[in-house]
């Protein structure tokens, strides 16, 4: 999943946090819901404007960030 088309970062939107397709829901929000035990179907039901690819983009974004953190010396 190439998240670059779905994850946007705009300085004026949610303090510059990564958001989904320019909307006010952040990657952190979606990942938090999943981490709390919500299923993908529950997230999509609660936020009908989200699409399954949005959730996959959030996961891809998080994996990419984690990979970059591991590559940093001293971590």
PDB file of N, CA and C in Angstrom:
ATOM      1  N   UNK A   1       0.853  -1.190   0.000  1.00  0.00           N
ATOM      2  CA  UNK A   1       0.000   0.000   0.000  1.00  0.00           C
ATOM      3  C   UNK A   1       0.889   1.240   0.000  1.00  0.00           C
ATOM      4  N   UNK A   2       0.730   2.062  -1.004  1.00  0.00           N
ATOM      5  CA  UNK A   2       1.427   3.345  -1.049  1.00  0.00           C
ATOM      6  C   UNK A   2       0.522   4.380  -0.383  1.00  0.00           C
ATOM      7  N   UNK A   3       0.882   4.759   0.825  1.00  0.00           N
ATOM      8  CA  UNK A   3       0.042   5.657   1.609  1.00  0.00           C
ATOM      9  C   UNK A   3       0.149   7.120   1.176  1.00  0.00           C
ATOM     10  N   UNK A   4       1.100   7.456   0.349  1.00  0.00           N
ATOM     11  CA  UNK A   4       1.373   8.859   0.024  1.00  0.00           C
ATOM     12  C   UNK A   4       0.193   9.592  -0.614  1.00  0.00           C
ATOM     13  N   UNK A   5      -0.685   8.885  -1.282  1.00  0.00           N
ATOM     14  CA  UNK A   5      -1.835   9.542  -1.905  1.00  0.00           C
ATOM     15  C   UNK A   5      -2.983   9.743  -0.922  1.00  0.00           C
ATOM     16  N   UNK A   6      -2.958   9.043   0.211  1.00  0.00           N
ATOM     17  CA  UNK A   6      -4.072   9.099   1.155  1.00  0.00           C
ATOM     18  C   UNK A   6      -3.734   9.858   2.441  1.00  0.00           C
ATOM     19  N   UNK A   7      -2.473   9.875   2.808  1.00  0.00           N
ATOM     20  CA  UNK A   7      -2.067  10.546   4.039  1.00  0.00           C
ATOM     21  C   UNK A   7      -1.534  11.928   3.680  1.00  0.00           C
ATOM     22  N   UNK A   8      -2.152  12.942   4.269  1.00  0.00           N
ATOM     23  CA  UNK A   8      -1.770  14.318   3.968  1.00  0.00           C
ATOM     24  C   UNK A   8      -1.286  15.006   5.243  1.00  0.00           C
ATOM     25  N   UNK A   9      -0.361  15.916   5.069  1.00  0.00           N
ATOM     26  CA  UNK A   9       0.135  16.720   6.191  1.00  0.00           C
ATOM     27  C   UNK A   9       0.041  18.178   5.766  1.00  0.00           C
ATOM     28  N   UNK A  10      -0.826  18.904   6.445  1.00  0.00           N
ATOM     29  CA  UNK A  10      -1.030  20.322   6.152  1.00  0.00           C
ATOM     30  C   UNK A  10      -0.849  21.106   7.451  1.00  0.00           C
ATOM     31  N   UNK A  11      -0.025  22.139   7.440  1.00  0.00           N
ATOM     32  CA  UNK A  11       0.246  22.891   8.669  1.00  0.00           C
ATOM     33  C   UNK A  11      -1.017  23.425   9.357  1.00  0.00           C
ATOM     34  N   UNK A  12      -2.038  23.778   8.596  1.00  0.00           N
ATOM     35  CA  UNK A  12      -3.245  24.371   9.174  1.00  0.00           C
ATOM     36  C   UNK A  12      -4.289  23.336   9.591  1.00  0.00           C
ATOM     37  N   UNK A  13      -4.011  22.065   9.372  1.00  0.00           N
ATOM     38  CA  UNK A  13      -4.979  21.015   9.673  1.00  0.00           C
ATOM     39  C   UNK A  13      -4.475  20.183  10.853  1.00  0.00           C
ATOM     40  N   UNK A  14      -5.202  20.216  11.950  1.00  0.00           N
ATOM     41  CA  UNK A  14      -4.880  19.412  13.139  1.00  0.00           C
ATOM     42  C   UNK A  14      -3.421  19.590  13.580  1.00  0.00           C
ATOM     43  N   UNK A  15      -2.942  20.822  13.490  1.00  0.00           N
ATOM     44  CA  UNK A  15      -1.592  21.127  13.953  1.00  0.00           C
ATOM     45  C   UNK A  15      -0.486  20.474  13.147  1.00  0.00           C
ATOM     46  N   UNK A  16      -0.770  20.140  11.890  1.00  0.00           N
ATOM     47  CA  UNK A  16       0.238  19.538  11.034  1.00  0.00           C
ATOM     48  C   UNK A  16       0.381  18.039  11.208  1.00  0.00           C
ATOM     49  N   UNK A  17      -0.536  17.424  11.956  1.00  0.00           N
ATOM     50  CA  UNK A  17      -0.488  15.970  12.131  1.00  0.00           C
ATOM     51  C   UNK A  17      -0.911  15.286  10.831  1.00  0.00           C
ATOM     52  N   UNK A  18      -0.392  14.084  10.590  1.00  0.00           N
ATOM     53  CA  UNK A  18      -0.802  13.336   9.393  1.00  0.00           C
ATOM     54  C   UNK A  18      -2.291  13.012   9.446  1.00  0.00           C
ATOM     55  N   UNK A  19      -3.020  13.401   8.407  1.00  0.00           N
ATOM     56  CA  UNK A  19      -4.464  13.187   8.327  1.00  0.00           C
ATOM     57  C   UNK A  19      -4.790  12.325   7.112  1.00  0.00           C
ATOM     58  N   UNK A  20      -6.008  11.872   7.076  1.00  0.00           N
ATOM     59  CA  UNK A  20      -6.456  11.023   5.980  1.00  0.00           C
ATOM     60  C   UNK A  20      -7.168  11.870   4.941  1.00  0.00           C
ATOM     61  N   UNK A  21      -6.617  11.889   3.740  1.00  0.00           N
ATOM     62  CA  UNK A  21      -7.192  12.576   2.576  1.00  0.00           C
ATOM     63  C   UNK A  21      -7.660  13.999   2.875  1.00  0.00           C
ATOM     64  N   UNK A  22      -6.901  14.737   3.661  1.00  0.00           N
ATOM     65  CA  UNK A  22      -7.226  16.128   3.937  1.00  0.00           C
ATOM     66  C   UNK A  22      -8.396  16.324   4.894  1.00  0.00           C
ATOM     67  N   UNK A  23      -8.880  15.243   5.481  1.00  0.00           N
ATOM     68  CA  UNK A  23      -9.973  15.350   6.448  1.00  0.00           C
ATOM     69  C   UNK A  23      -9.391  15.579   7.836  1.00  0.00           C
ATOM     70  N   UNK A  24     -10.258  15.791   8.793  1.00  0.00           N
ATOM     71  CA  UNK A  24      -9.806  16.111  10.133  1.00  0.00           C
ATOM     72  C   UNK A  24      -9.517  14.885  10.993  1.00  0.00           C
ATOM     73  N   UNK A  25      -9.604  13.703  10.441  1.00  0.00           N
ATOM     74  CA  UNK A  25      -9.268  12.505  11.212  1.00  0.00           C
ATOM     75  C   UNK A  25      -7.809  12.163  10.954  1.00  0.00           C
ATOM     76  N   UNK A  26      -7.074  11.960  12.041  1.00  0.00           N
ATOM     77  CA  UNK A  26      -5.629  11.732  11.917  1.00  0.00           C
ATOM     78  C   UNK A  26      -5.294  10.248  11.856  1.00  0.00           C
ATOM     79  N   UNK A  27      -4.096   9.989  11.393  1.00  0.00           N
ATOM     80  CA  UNK A  27      -3.562   8.626  11.404  1.00  0.00           C
ATOM     81  C   UNK A  27      -3.561   8.116  12.844  1.00  0.00           C
ATOM     82  N   UNK A  28      -3.149   8.969  13.761  1.00  0.00           N
ATOM     83  CA  UNK A  28      -3.106   8.605  15.178  1.00  0.00           C
ATOM     84  C   UNK A  28      -4.485   8.185  15.676  1.00  0.00           C
ATOM     85  N   UNK A  29      -5.534   8.912  15.268  1.00  0.00           N
ATOM     86  CA  UNK A  29      -6.896   8.552  15.680  1.00  0.00           C
ATOM     87  C   UNK A  29      -7.230   7.131  15.248  1.00  0.00           C
ATOM     88  N   UNK A  30      -7.007   6.846  13.975  1.00  0.00           N
ATOM     89  CA  UNK A  30      -7.354   5.526  13.428  1.00  0.00           C
ATOM     90  C   UNK A  30      -6.532   4.436  14.101  1.00  0.00           C
ATOM     91  N   UNK A  31      -5.236   4.655  14.242  1.00  0.00           N
ATOM     92  CA  UNK A  31      -4.396   3.657  14.893  1.00  0.00           C
ATOM     93  C   UNK A  31      -4.814   3.453  16.348  1.00  0.00           C
ATOM     94  N   UNK A  32      -5.207   4.520  17.007  1.00  0.00           N
ATOM     95  CA  UNK A  32      -5.675   4.412  18.386  1.00  0.00           C
ATOM     96  C   UNK A  32      -6.938   3.574  18.497  1.00  0.00           C
ATOM     97  N   UNK A  33      -7.866   3.778  17.577  1.00  0.00           N
ATOM     98  CA  UNK A  33      -9.095   2.973  17.583  1.00  0.00           C
ATOM     99  C   UNK A  33      -8.768   1.493  17.374  1.00  0.00           C
ATOM    100  N   UNK A  34      -7.903   1.202  16.435  1.00  0.00           N
ATOM    101  CA  UNK A  34      -7.527  -0.186  16.174  1.00  0.00           C
ATOM    102  C   UNK A  34      -6.802  -0.781  17.382  1.00  0.00           C
ATOM    103  N   UNK A  35      -5.910  -0.004  17.982  1.00  0.00           N
ATOM    104  CA  UNK A  35      -5.165  -0.486  19.146  1.00  0.00           C
ATOM    105  C   UNK A  35      -6.066  -0.731  20.349  1.00  0.00           C
ATOM    106  N   UNK A  36      -7.166   0.016  20.427  1.00  0.00           N
ATOM    107  CA  UNK A  36      -8.076  -0.168  21.556  1.00  0.00           C
ATOM    108  C   UNK A  36      -8.975  -1.388  21.392  1.00  0.00           C
ATOM    109  N   UNK A  37      -8.884  -2.033  20.225  1.00  0.00           N
ATOM    110  CA  UNK A  37      -9.652  -3.251  20.009  1.00  0.00           C
ATOM    111  C   UNK A  37     -10.761  -3.146  18.991  1.00  0.00           C
ATOM    112  N   UNK A  38     -10.989  -1.957  18.447  1.00  0.00           N
ATOM    113  CA  UNK A  38     -11.999  -1.836  17.400  1.00  0.00           C
ATOM    114  C   UNK A  38     -11.537  -2.589  16.166  1.00  0.00           C
ATOM    115  N   UNK A  39     -12.471  -3.227  15.491  1.00  0.00           N
ATOM    116  CA  UNK A  39     -12.145  -3.886  14.239  1.00  0.00           C
ATOM    117  C   UNK A  39     -12.177  -2.857  13.111  1.00  0.00           C
ATOM    118  N   UNK A  40     -11.623  -3.237  11.975  1.00  0.00           N
ATOM    119  CA  UNK A  40     -11.681  -2.360  10.811  1.00  0.00           C
ATOM    120  C   UNK A  40     -13.137  -2.053  10.469  1.00  0.00           C
ATOM    121  N   UNK A  41     -14.002  -3.061  10.532  1.00  0.00           N
ATOM    122  CA  UNK A  41     -15.424  -2.869  10.220  1.00  0.00           C
ATOM    123  C   UNK A  41     -16.074  -1.878  11.174  1.00  0.00           C
ATOM    124  N   UNK A  42     -15.701  -1.918  12.448  1.00  0.00           N
ATOM    125  CA  UNK A  42     -16.268  -0.972  13.426  1.00  0.00           C
ATOM    126  C   UNK A  42     -15.796   0.449  13.155  1.00  0.00           C
ATOM    127  N   UNK A  43     -14.526   0.604  12.819  1.00  0.00           N
ATOM    128  CA  UNK A  43     -14.004   1.946  12.497  1.00  0.00           C
ATOM    129  C   UNK A  43     -14.740   2.492  11.277  1.00  0.00           C
ATOM    130  N   UNK A  44     -14.888   1.657  10.254  1.00  0.00           N
ATOM    131  CA  UNK A  44     -15.568   2.099   9.034  1.00  0.00           C
ATOM    132  C   UNK A  44     -17.036   2.412   9.298  1.00  0.00           C
ATOM    133  N   UNK A  45     -17.675   1.688  10.189  1.00  0.00           N
ATOM    134  CA  UNK A  45     -19.076   1.957  10.520  1.00  0.00           C
ATOM    135  C   UNK A  45     -19.213   3.273  11.283  1.00  0.00           C
ATOM    136  N   UNK A  46     -18.273   3.557  12.190  1.00  0.00           N
ATOM    137  CA  UNK A  46     -18.315   4.795  12.967  1.00  0.00           C
ATOM    138  C   UNK A  46     -17.930   6.019  12.139  1.00  0.00           C
ATOM    139  N   UNK A  47     -17.134   5.812  11.114  1.00  0.00           N
ATOM    140  CA  UNK A  47     -16.661   6.906  10.264  1.00  0.00           C
ATOM    141  C   UNK A  47     -16.930   6.532   8.807  1.00  0.00           C
ATOM    142  N   UNK A  48     -18.191   6.680   8.358  1.00  0.00           N
ATOM    143  CA  UNK A  48     -18.576   6.199   7.033  1.00  0.00           C
ATOM    144  C   UNK A  48     -17.852   6.869   5.865  1.00  0.00           C
ATOM    145  N   UNK A  49     -17.199   7.979   6.104  1.00  0.00           N
ATOM    146  CA  UNK A  49     -16.460   8.645   5.040  1.00  0.00           C
ATOM    147  C   UNK A  49     -15.079   8.031   4.843  1.00  0.00           C
ATOM    148  N   UNK A  50     -14.677   7.126   5.752  1.00  0.00           N
ATOM    149  CA  UNK A  50     -13.410   6.421   5.565  1.00  0.00           C
ATOM    150  C   UNK A  50     -13.615   5.219   4.662  1.00  0.00           C
ATOM    151  N   UNK A  51     -12.536   4.819   4.013  1.00  0.00           N
ATOM    152  CA  UNK A  51     -12.550   3.668   3.123  1.00  0.00           C
ATOM    153  C   UNK A  51     -11.529   2.645   3.637  1.00  0.00           C
ATOM    154  N   UNK A  52     -11.713   1.376   3.304  1.00  0.00           N
ATOM    155  CA  UNK A  52     -10.749   0.367   3.747  1.00  0.00           C
ATOM    156  C   UNK A  52      -9.300   0.728   3.390  1.00  0.00           C
ATOM    157  N   UNK A  53      -9.084   1.319   2.241  1.00  0.00           N
ATOM    158  CA  UNK A  53      -7.720   1.724   1.863  1.00  0.00           C
ATOM    159  C   UNK A  53      -7.165   2.810   2.773  1.00  0.00           C
ATOM    160  N   UNK A  54      -8.033   3.598   3.400  1.00  0.00           N
ATOM    161  CA  UNK A  54      -7.562   4.605   4.357  1.00  0.00           C
ATOM    162  C   UNK A  54      -6.926   3.928   5.569  1.00  0.00           C
ATOM    163  N   UNK A  55      -7.559   2.873   6.044  1.00  0.00           N
ATOM    164  CA  UNK A  55      -7.016   2.149   7.194  1.00  0.00           C
ATOM    165  C   UNK A  55      -5.696   1.490   6.819  1.00  0.00           C
ATOM    166  N   UNK A  56      -5.631   0.889   5.658  1.00  0.00           N
ATOM    167  CA  UNK A  56      -4.376   0.283   5.208  1.00  0.00           C
ATOM    168  C   UNK A  56      -3.289   1.354   5.039  1.00  0.00           C
ATOM    169  N   UNK A  57      -3.663   2.531   4.587  1.00  0.00           N
ATOM    170  CA  UNK A  57      -2.688   3.623   4.452  1.00  0.00           C
ATOM    171  C   UNK A  57      -2.143   4.031   5.817  1.00  0.00           C
ATOM    172  N   UNK A  58      -3.003   4.064   6.827  1.00  0.00           N
ATOM    173  CA  UNK A  58      -2.548   4.392   8.189  1.00  0.00           C
ATOM    174  C   UNK A  58      -1.541   3.361   8.677  1.00  0.00           C
ATOM    175  N   UNK A  59      -1.834   2.099   8.440  1.00  0.00           N
ATOM    176  CA  UNK A  59      -0.923   1.038   8.854  1.00  0.00           C
ATOM    177  C   UNK A  59       0.397   1.119   8.079  1.00  0.00           C
ATOM    178  N   UNK A  60       0.323   1.397   6.798  1.00  0.00           N
ATOM    179  CA  UNK A  60       1.533   1.553   5.998  1.00  0.00           C
ATOM    180  C   UNK A  60       2.368   2.731   6.457  1.00  0.00           C
ATOM    181  N   UNK A  61       1.705   3.837   6.777  1.00  0.00           N
ATOM    182  CA  UNK A  61       2.390   5.031   7.267  1.00  0.00           C
ATOM    183  C   UNK A  61       3.117   4.713   8.576  1.00  0.00           C
ATOM    184  N   UNK A  62       2.411   4.042   9.497  1.00  0.00           N
ATOM    185  CA  UNK A  62       3.009   3.694  10.786  1.00  0.00           C
ATOM    186  C   UNK A  62       4.200   2.761  10.609  1.00  0.00           C
ATOM    187  N   UNK A  63       4.084   1.796   9.708  1.00  0.00           N
ATOM    188  CA  UNK A  63       5.192   0.874   9.454  1.00  0.00           C
ATOM    189  C   UNK A  63       6.398   1.615   8.888  1.00  0.00           C
ATOM    190  N   UNK A  64       6.145   2.562   8.007  1.00  0.00           N
ATOM    191  CA  UNK A  64       7.231   3.335   7.406  1.00  0.00           C
ATOM    192  C   UNK A  64       7.926   4.194   8.461  1.00  0.00           C
ATOM    193  N   UNK A  65       7.162   4.827   9.324  1.00  0.00           N
ATOM    194  CA  UNK A  65       7.745   5.651  10.395  1.00  0.00           C
ATOM    195  C   UNK A  65       8.580   4.784  11.327  1.00  0.00           C
ATOM    196  N   UNK A  66       8.054   3.605  11.685  1.00  0.00           N
ATOM    197  CA  UNK A  66       8.780   2.710  12.580  1.00  0.00           C
ATOM    198  C   UNK A  66      10.081   2.256  11.935  1.00  0.00           C
ATOM    199  N   UNK A  67      10.031   1.940  10.660  1.00  0.00           N
ATOM    200  CA  UNK A  67      11.231   1.518   9.943  1.00  0.00           C
ATOM    201  C   UNK A  67      12.281   2.628   9.954  1.00  0.00           C
ATOM    202  N   UNK A  68      11.840   3.870   9.803  1.00  0.00           N
ATOM    203  CA  UNK A  68      12.782   4.997   9.806  1.00  0.00           C
ATOM    204  C   UNK A  68      13.364   5.215  11.200  1.00  0.00           C
ATOM    205  N   UNK A  69      12.554   5.009  12.253  1.00  0.00           N
ATOM    206  CA  UNK A  69      13.052   5.166  13.613  1.00  0.00           C
ATOM    207  C   UNK A  69      14.121   4.123  13.932  1.00  0.00           C
ATOM    208  N   UNK A  70      13.893   2.904  13.501  1.00  0.00           N
ATOM    209  CA  UNK A  70      14.857   1.823  13.753  1.00  0.00           C
ATOM    210  C   UNK A  70      16.176   2.113  13.056  1.00  0.00           C
ATOM    211  N   UNK A  71      16.130   2.810  11.951  1.00  0.00           N
ATOM    212  CA  UNK A  71      17.334   3.118  11.177  1.00  0.00           C
ATOM    213  C   UNK A  71      18.164   4.237  11.814  1.00  0.00           C
ATOM    214  N   UNK A  72      17.582   4.964  12.787  1.00  0.00           N
ATOM    215  CA  UNK A  72      18.317   6.049  13.414  1.00  0.00           C
ATOM    216  C   UNK A  72      19.370   5.495  14.370  1.00  0.00           C
ATOM    217  N   UNK A  73      20.584   6.018  14.313  1.00  0.00           N
ATOM    218  CA  UNK A  73      21.628   5.544  15.235  1.00  0.00           C
ATOM    219  C   UNK A  73      21.276   5.891  16.681  1.00  0.00           C
ATOM    220  N   UNK A  74      21.621   5.007  17.579  1.00  0.00           N
ATOM    221  CA  UNK A  74      21.422   5.286  18.999  1.00  0.00           C
ATOM    222  C   UNK A  74      20.053   4.889  19.519  1.00  0.00           C
ATOM    223  N   UNK A  75      19.189   4.378  18.673  1.00  0.00           N
ATOM    224  CA  UNK A  75      17.871   3.952  19.158  1.00  0.00           C
ATOM    225  C   UNK A  75      17.815   2.464  19.356  1.00  0.00           C
TER     226      UNK A  75
END
